[in-house]
Protein backbone atom coordinates (compact mmCIF):
# COMPACT_ATOMS: atom_id res chain seq x y z
CA MET A 1 45.05 37.76 132.50
CA CYS A 2 46.14 40.50 134.76
CA VAL A 3 47.51 43.72 133.20
CA LEU A 4 49.66 46.00 135.22
CA ALA A 5 47.33 48.79 136.01
CA ALA A 6 46.02 50.62 138.95
CA GLY A 7 43.88 48.28 141.23
CA CYS A 8 45.71 45.06 140.06
CA ALA A 9 48.55 44.06 142.17
CA ALA A 10 50.75 41.01 141.77
CA ALA A 11 50.24 38.04 144.32
CA PRO A 12 52.77 38.13 146.98
CA ALA A 13 55.67 35.87 146.64
CA PRO A 14 55.49 32.55 148.70
CA ASP A 15 58.33 33.74 150.78
CA ALA A 16 56.55 36.91 151.63
CA ALA A 17 53.36 35.02 152.51
CA ASP A 18 55.34 32.71 154.71
CA ARG A 19 56.96 35.58 156.61
CA ASP A 20 53.50 37.11 157.26
CA VAL A 21 52.36 33.69 158.80
CA ARG A 22 55.53 33.68 160.90
CA THR A 23 54.95 37.30 162.01
CA ALA A 24 51.31 36.54 162.86
CA VAL A 25 52.15 33.58 165.04
CA ALA A 26 54.93 35.65 166.91
CA ALA A 27 52.51 38.54 167.42
CA TRP A 28 49.73 36.02 168.71
CA SER A 29 52.24 34.31 171.13
CA ARG A 30 53.00 37.49 172.94
CA GLN A 31 49.24 38.14 173.72
CA PRO A 32 48.14 37.03 177.17
CA SER A 33 45.34 35.03 175.62
CA ALA A 34 47.87 32.63 174.00
CA ARG A 35 49.14 31.65 177.48
CA PRO A 36 47.64 29.26 179.97
CA ALA A 37 45.81 31.36 182.60
CA GLY A 38 47.35 31.51 186.02
CA LEU A 39 50.52 29.70 184.98
CA PRO A 40 53.53 31.79 186.26
CA LEU A 41 55.90 32.03 183.11
CA ALA A 42 59.28 33.42 182.89
CA GLN A 43 59.51 32.47 179.22
CA TRP A 44 56.98 31.80 176.55
CA ALA A 45 57.98 31.77 172.76
CA TYR A 46 56.97 29.94 169.60
CA GLU A 47 59.69 29.28 166.91
CA VAL A 48 58.12 28.59 163.61
CA THR A 49 59.88 25.73 161.82
CA GLY A 50 57.74 25.49 158.88
CA VAL A 51 54.53 26.78 157.11
CA ARG A 52 51.98 25.01 154.92
CA ARG A 53 49.48 27.10 153.11
CA ASP A 54 46.21 26.15 151.42
CA GLY A 55 44.46 29.13 150.12
CA PRO A 56 43.10 31.29 152.85
CA ARG A 57 44.33 28.65 155.59
CA ALA A 58 47.72 27.89 156.91
CA THR A 59 49.37 25.55 159.39
CA ALA A 60 52.66 26.57 161.07
CA THR A 61 54.75 23.89 162.64
CA ALA A 62 56.49 25.44 165.65
CA GLU A 63 58.50 24.65 168.74
CA LEU A 64 57.19 26.13 171.87
CA ARG A 65 59.72 26.99 174.44
CA TYR A 66 58.57 27.88 178.00
CA ARG A 67 59.90 28.12 181.44
CA ILE A 68 57.77 28.19 184.64
CA ASP A 69 58.99 31.07 186.90
CA GLY A 70 60.66 29.80 189.97
CA TYR A 71 60.67 26.14 189.01
CA ASP A 72 62.39 25.52 185.68
CA THR A 73 66.12 26.00 185.30
CA ALA A 74 65.89 25.77 181.45
CA PRO A 75 63.05 26.11 178.99
CA ALA A 76 60.85 23.07 178.22
CA GLY A 77 59.96 22.25 174.75
CA SER A 78 56.73 21.28 172.97
CA ALA A 79 56.26 20.44 169.20
CA ARG A 80 53.16 22.44 168.11
CA GLU A 81 50.79 22.99 165.16
CA VAL A 82 49.33 26.63 164.94
CA ARG A 83 46.30 27.07 162.62
CA LEU A 84 45.72 30.36 160.88
CA THR A 85 43.22 31.85 158.48
CA LEU A 86 43.45 34.79 156.09
CA ASP A 87 40.98 37.45 156.60
CA GLY A 88 41.09 40.95 155.23
CA GLY A 89 44.63 40.41 154.02
CA ARG A 90 45.80 39.47 157.57
CA TRP A 91 46.60 36.20 159.03
CA THR A 92 44.88 35.33 162.43
CA VAL A 93 45.58 32.32 164.61
CA THR A 94 42.54 30.17 165.03
CA GLY A 95 43.95 27.23 166.91
CA ASP A 96 47.06 25.68 168.64
CA ALA A 97 47.55 22.02 169.46
CA ALA A 98 50.35 19.38 169.90
CA ALA A 99 51.94 18.42 166.61
CA PRO A 100 50.92 14.95 165.42
CA GLY A 101 52.84 12.29 167.41
CA ALA A 102 53.95 14.69 170.02
CA PRO A 103 52.71 14.68 173.76
CA PRO A 104 50.23 17.21 174.69
CA GLN A 105 50.75 19.93 177.34
CA PRO A 106 48.53 19.89 180.43
CA TRP A 107 46.43 22.91 179.12
CA ASP A 108 45.74 20.79 175.99
CA GLN A 109 43.68 18.44 178.22
CA GLY A 110 41.18 21.11 179.55
CA PRO A 111 40.92 24.13 181.82
CA LEU A 112 43.96 24.48 183.96
CA ASP A 113 43.73 24.91 187.69
CA VAL A 114 46.93 26.27 189.26
CA VAL A 115 47.68 26.01 192.95
CA ARG A 116 51.03 27.12 194.54
CA GLY A 117 52.16 25.43 197.87
CA ALA A 118 55.07 26.13 199.95
CA HIS A 119 57.10 23.63 197.97
CA ALA A 120 55.10 22.74 194.98
CA LEU A 121 53.28 23.95 192.01
CA VAL A 122 50.27 21.94 191.11
CA LEU A 123 48.62 22.02 187.69
CA ARG A 124 45.32 20.16 187.35
CA ALA A 125 43.86 19.86 183.81
CA GLY A 126 40.27 19.18 182.94
CA ARG A 127 38.71 19.85 186.36
CA GLY A 128 38.86 16.10 186.98
CA GLY A 129 40.98 14.15 189.46
CA PRO A 130 42.05 15.05 193.03
CA ASP A 131 41.56 18.52 194.36
CA PRO A 132 44.86 20.42 193.55
CA ALA A 133 44.97 22.16 196.84
CA ASP A 134 45.00 18.82 198.55
CA VAL A 135 47.89 17.64 196.22
CA ALA A 136 49.69 20.68 197.04
CA ALA A 137 49.26 20.05 200.78
CA ASP A 138 50.52 16.41 200.23
CA ALA A 139 53.54 17.68 198.23
CA ASP A 140 54.35 20.20 200.92
CA ARG A 141 54.81 17.38 203.31
CA ALA A 142 56.54 15.19 200.85
CA VAL A 143 59.27 17.55 199.69
CA PRO A 144 60.85 18.21 203.22
CA ALA A 145 60.90 14.59 203.89
CA ALA A 146 62.81 13.95 200.60
CA ALA A 147 65.15 16.77 201.59
CA ALA A 148 65.85 15.20 204.97
CA ALA A 149 66.76 12.02 203.32
CA TRP A 150 69.02 13.65 200.72
CA PRO A 151 70.94 16.36 202.48
CA ARG A 152 72.48 17.70 199.31
CA PRO A 153 71.78 20.92 197.40
CA TRP A 154 68.64 20.90 195.19
CA ALA A 155 65.77 23.14 194.34
CA GLY A 156 63.49 21.92 197.12
CA ARG A 157 60.36 22.42 195.10
CA VAL A 158 58.44 20.42 192.54
CA VAL A 159 55.97 20.75 189.71
CA VAL A 160 53.01 18.31 190.03
CA LEU A 161 50.71 17.56 187.03
CA VAL A 162 47.19 16.14 187.78
CA PRO A 163 45.74 14.99 184.33
CA PRO A 164 42.02 14.26 184.22
CA THR A 165 42.32 10.38 183.64
CA GLN A 166 44.87 7.74 183.28
CA GLU A 167 44.57 7.86 179.62
CA ALA A 168 45.50 11.61 179.78
CA MET A 169 48.32 10.77 182.11
CA ALA A 170 49.58 8.27 179.44
CA ALA A 171 49.34 10.87 176.70
CA LEU A 172 51.45 13.36 178.57
CA LEU A 173 54.12 10.67 178.90
CA GLY A 174 53.77 9.26 175.46
CA ARG A 175 53.02 5.84 176.64
CA PRO A 176 50.08 3.24 176.53
CA PRO A 177 47.66 3.85 179.37
CA ALA A 178 48.12 0.13 180.45
CA ALA A 179 51.72 0.89 181.35
CA TYR A 180 50.54 3.09 184.41
CA THR A 181 47.60 0.73 185.76
CA GLY A 182 47.95 0.68 189.56
CA MET A 183 50.81 3.43 189.51
CA ALA A 184 49.85 6.52 191.53
CA ALA A 185 52.62 8.76 190.09
CA VAL A 186 55.55 8.91 188.04
CA THR A 187 58.54 11.45 187.75
CA THR A 188 60.02 12.67 184.36
CA GLY A 189 63.37 14.46 184.01
CA SER A 190 66.89 14.42 182.64
CA THR A 191 69.70 12.79 184.53
CA GLY A 192 73.28 13.73 185.44
CA GLY A 193 72.69 17.43 186.09
CA ALA A 194 72.21 18.25 182.38
CA ALA A 195 70.62 21.54 181.53
CA ALA A 196 66.89 20.56 181.61
CA PRO A 197 63.61 21.90 182.82
CA ALA A 198 62.30 21.06 186.37
CA ASP A 199 61.20 17.43 186.70
CA ARG A 200 57.53 16.90 186.55
CA ILE A 201 55.73 14.55 188.93
CA VAL A 202 52.70 13.22 187.10
CA VAL A 203 49.75 11.80 189.03
CA ASN A 204 47.63 9.03 188.05
CA PRO A 205 44.35 10.49 189.30
CA ALA A 206 42.38 7.12 189.65
CA ALA A 207 45.18 5.34 191.55
CA TYR A 208 46.05 8.49 193.64
CA ALA A 209 42.43 8.78 194.70
CA GLN A 210 42.34 5.22 196.27
CA LEU A 211 45.35 6.06 198.54
CA SER A 212 45.14 6.82 202.28
CA ALA A 213 46.91 9.98 203.50
CA ALA A 214 49.92 7.86 204.47
CA GLY A 215 49.97 6.18 201.01
CA ARG A 216 49.88 9.66 199.41
CA ASN A 217 52.83 10.79 201.52
CA VAL A 218 54.83 7.72 200.66
CA VAL A 219 54.18 8.16 196.81
CA LEU A 220 54.99 11.81 196.67
CA THR A 221 58.00 11.42 198.92
CA HIS A 222 59.32 8.74 196.56
CA GLU A 223 58.81 10.93 193.59
CA ALA A 224 60.19 14.07 195.27
CA ALA A 225 63.29 12.01 196.24
CA HIS A 226 63.84 11.27 192.41
CA VAL A 227 63.75 15.02 191.95
CA ALA A 228 66.25 15.76 194.67
CA THR A 229 68.61 12.94 193.46
CA ARG A 230 68.35 13.69 189.66
CA PRO A 231 71.66 15.74 189.53
CA ALA A 232 73.55 12.73 190.90
CA THR A 233 71.74 10.15 188.82
CA THR A 234 73.34 8.92 185.72
CA ASP A 235 73.15 5.97 183.22
CA ARG A 236 75.51 4.27 185.56
CA THR A 237 73.26 4.37 188.50
CA PRO A 238 71.57 0.95 188.98
CA LEU A 239 67.78 1.06 189.20
CA TRP A 240 67.71 -0.93 192.40
CA LEU A 241 69.70 1.96 193.86
CA SER A 242 67.62 4.81 192.38
CA GLU A 243 64.26 3.29 193.18
CA GLY A 244 65.40 1.78 196.49
CA LEU A 245 66.63 5.10 197.80
CA ALA A 246 63.52 6.91 196.66
CA ASP A 247 61.45 4.35 198.75
CA TRP A 248 63.81 4.58 201.59
CA ALA A 249 63.27 8.12 201.74
CA ALA A 250 59.60 7.62 201.64
CA TYR A 251 59.45 5.21 204.50
CA ARG A 252 62.31 6.66 206.56
CA GLY A 253 60.98 7.76 209.81
CA THR A 254 57.81 5.58 209.65
CA ARG A 255 57.16 2.61 211.71
CA THR A 256 56.14 0.56 208.68
CA ALA A 257 57.17 -3.02 209.08
CA PRO A 258 59.03 -4.52 206.21
CA ALA A 259 56.56 -7.24 205.57
CA ASP A 260 53.73 -4.58 205.37
CA ALA A 261 55.70 -2.48 202.84
CA ALA A 262 57.00 -5.48 200.95
CA PRO A 263 53.88 -7.85 200.73
CA ALA A 264 54.82 -9.45 197.40
CA LEU A 265 58.40 -10.09 198.36
CA ALA A 266 57.30 -11.51 201.79
CA ARG A 267 55.00 -14.07 200.14
CA ALA A 268 57.83 -15.13 197.83
CA VAL A 269 60.26 -15.56 200.73
CA ARG A 270 57.65 -17.45 202.75
CA ARG A 271 57.00 -19.98 199.97
CA GLY A 272 60.79 -20.43 199.65
CA ASP A 273 61.46 -18.21 196.64
CA LEU A 274 64.28 -16.17 197.93
CA PRO A 275 65.80 -13.92 195.18
CA ALA A 276 69.20 -15.02 194.02
CA ARG A 277 70.43 -11.47 193.37
CA LEU A 278 69.66 -7.88 193.75
CA PRO A 279 67.00 -6.63 191.13
CA ALA A 280 68.38 -6.04 187.66
CA ASP A 281 67.27 -2.93 185.70
CA GLY A 282 65.11 -5.17 183.53
CA ASP A 283 63.20 -6.27 186.49
CA PHE A 284 61.65 -2.64 186.75
CA ALA A 285 60.20 -2.59 183.22
CA PHE A 286 56.51 -1.68 183.15
CA GLY A 287 53.97 -3.86 181.52
CA THR A 288 55.55 -6.99 182.81
CA ASP A 289 54.16 -9.26 185.59
CA PRO A 290 52.89 -6.81 188.26
CA ASP A 291 53.89 -9.21 191.20
CA ALA A 292 57.44 -9.40 189.78
CA LEU A 293 57.66 -5.65 189.30
CA ALA A 294 56.39 -5.23 193.01
CA ARG A 295 59.10 -7.62 194.23
CA ALA A 296 61.80 -5.63 192.44
CA TYR A 297 60.85 -2.34 193.97
CA GLU A 298 60.37 -3.90 197.48
CA GLY A 299 63.71 -5.69 197.14
CA ALA A 300 65.38 -2.52 196.15
CA TRP A 301 63.94 -0.60 199.15
CA LEU A 302 65.11 -3.32 201.54
CA ALA A 303 68.55 -3.26 200.00
CA CYS A 304 68.87 0.47 200.62
CA ARG A 305 67.33 0.04 204.10
CA LEU A 306 69.94 -2.48 204.81
CA ILE A 307 72.76 -0.19 203.77
CA ALA A 308 71.51 2.77 205.83
CA ASP A 309 70.88 0.51 208.90
CA ARG A 310 74.32 -1.16 208.79
CA TRP A 311 76.63 1.64 207.29
CA GLY A 312 74.58 4.75 208.00
CA ASP A 313 72.38 7.08 206.09
CA GLY A 314 75.49 9.15 204.94
CA ALA A 315 77.10 6.06 203.49
CA LEU A 316 73.87 5.28 201.49
CA VAL A 317 74.00 8.95 200.08
CA ARG A 318 77.58 8.78 199.29
CA LEU A 319 77.24 5.30 197.59
CA TYR A 320 74.47 6.81 195.47
CA GLU A 321 76.72 9.65 194.27
CA ARG A 322 79.77 7.38 193.66
CA ALA A 323 77.60 4.87 191.68
CA GLY A 324 76.66 7.52 189.31
CA ARG A 325 80.30 8.29 188.55
CA GLU A 326 82.16 5.00 188.67
CA PRO A 327 81.47 1.16 188.45
CA LEU A 328 79.15 -0.18 191.19
CA ASP A 329 81.65 -2.48 192.63
CA ALA A 330 84.23 0.08 193.01
CA ALA A 331 81.60 2.48 194.73
CA LEU A 332 80.59 -0.34 197.04
CA GLY A 333 84.18 -1.07 197.93
CA GLU A 334 84.93 2.52 198.61
CA GLU A 335 81.88 3.33 200.76
CA LEU A 336 80.91 -0.07 202.31
CA GLY A 337 84.17 -2.11 202.05
CA LEU A 338 82.68 -4.96 200.17
CA GLY A 339 81.58 -5.91 196.61
CA GLY A 340 78.26 -6.68 194.95
CA ALA A 341 78.24 -10.39 195.67
CA GLU A 342 78.78 -9.68 199.44
CA LEU A 343 76.03 -7.10 199.50
CA ALA A 344 73.57 -9.50 197.88
CA ARG A 345 74.46 -12.14 200.40
CA ALA A 346 73.80 -9.86 203.30
CA TRP A 347 70.61 -8.56 201.65
CA ARG A 348 69.37 -12.17 201.18
CA GLU A 349 70.09 -12.83 204.79
CA ARG A 350 68.11 -9.71 205.78
CA LEU A 351 65.26 -10.86 203.69
CA ARG A 352 65.21 -14.22 205.20
CA THR A 353 65.44 -12.71 208.77
CA GLU A 354 62.72 -9.99 208.35
CA LEU A 355 60.34 -11.62 205.94
CA ALA A 356 60.38 -15.35 206.30
CA ALA A 357 58.59 -15.40 209.76
CA ALA A 358 56.16 -12.50 208.84
CA PRO A 359 52.50 -13.36 209.37
């Protein structure tokens, strides 16, 4: 039993102990050692949302809010667990990781290499995968190509994440690794111009390494076009238009023959399997038949290519903007003077003309 006397103090109330943990996390988060080395940050703060204590150990659940300087227009968020130990009456942070069930951040996957290009910031984790300087050079060619295809105001710069493996890529995105087999890169971001951090282009290191220089340019221009068009993209925007315009931007200015860029669709057309309609949103679902997925992307590109060829690049851009605000048939009528069924017929005829006789 403790009798109130000199040298015998009452144990701190739980609320006071929790406050000490919160104070320790806040103090630690302000130290340079708590931040990823080399990452240019305009904001970095942990908001503790809960504390669990077990004797001299504690775990703080927290929301990390950070903003990459010059790239993010709003803070990105990450659910974290911060581990602490009590030593000499003071709480000390001993570890920090993604909360259970939450995607990791790039710096959770190994040492971070940071390379800044003219139009891109490349973050490579784990010292695996492509050279970040090479990826930055690829992105510096891709971003101007996307900007030329989409002559609307946008940031004109991208953040590219290079995880060490396909499994690490899937972890960043919160999906099974098999969902990204054969995919060289994807883009994350919010649609409709909502307040959100800059989009992230996430590279699949294994697939990206197998590409030629021309292939890498197509992939990154496609992803950069998604970043450029994001403010005009909404839930209304059909996937054939968003994916098709991104591929149109990527192949625009090249001499790539339709059958070379659309081999799966060319094979289908040559065997008499001409699509009955433009690709539906469900046709772009990952984890389905790879050949069917390829035909959806290729058909979307050729639809946008048809629109640009027949009605002009500006009409394609304006159609994209309208399709994010109003029903597709109304947008088609305003910009092209026809409806969805008429566009599908013109597209099918173009497929027959360009792909049926391809070698």
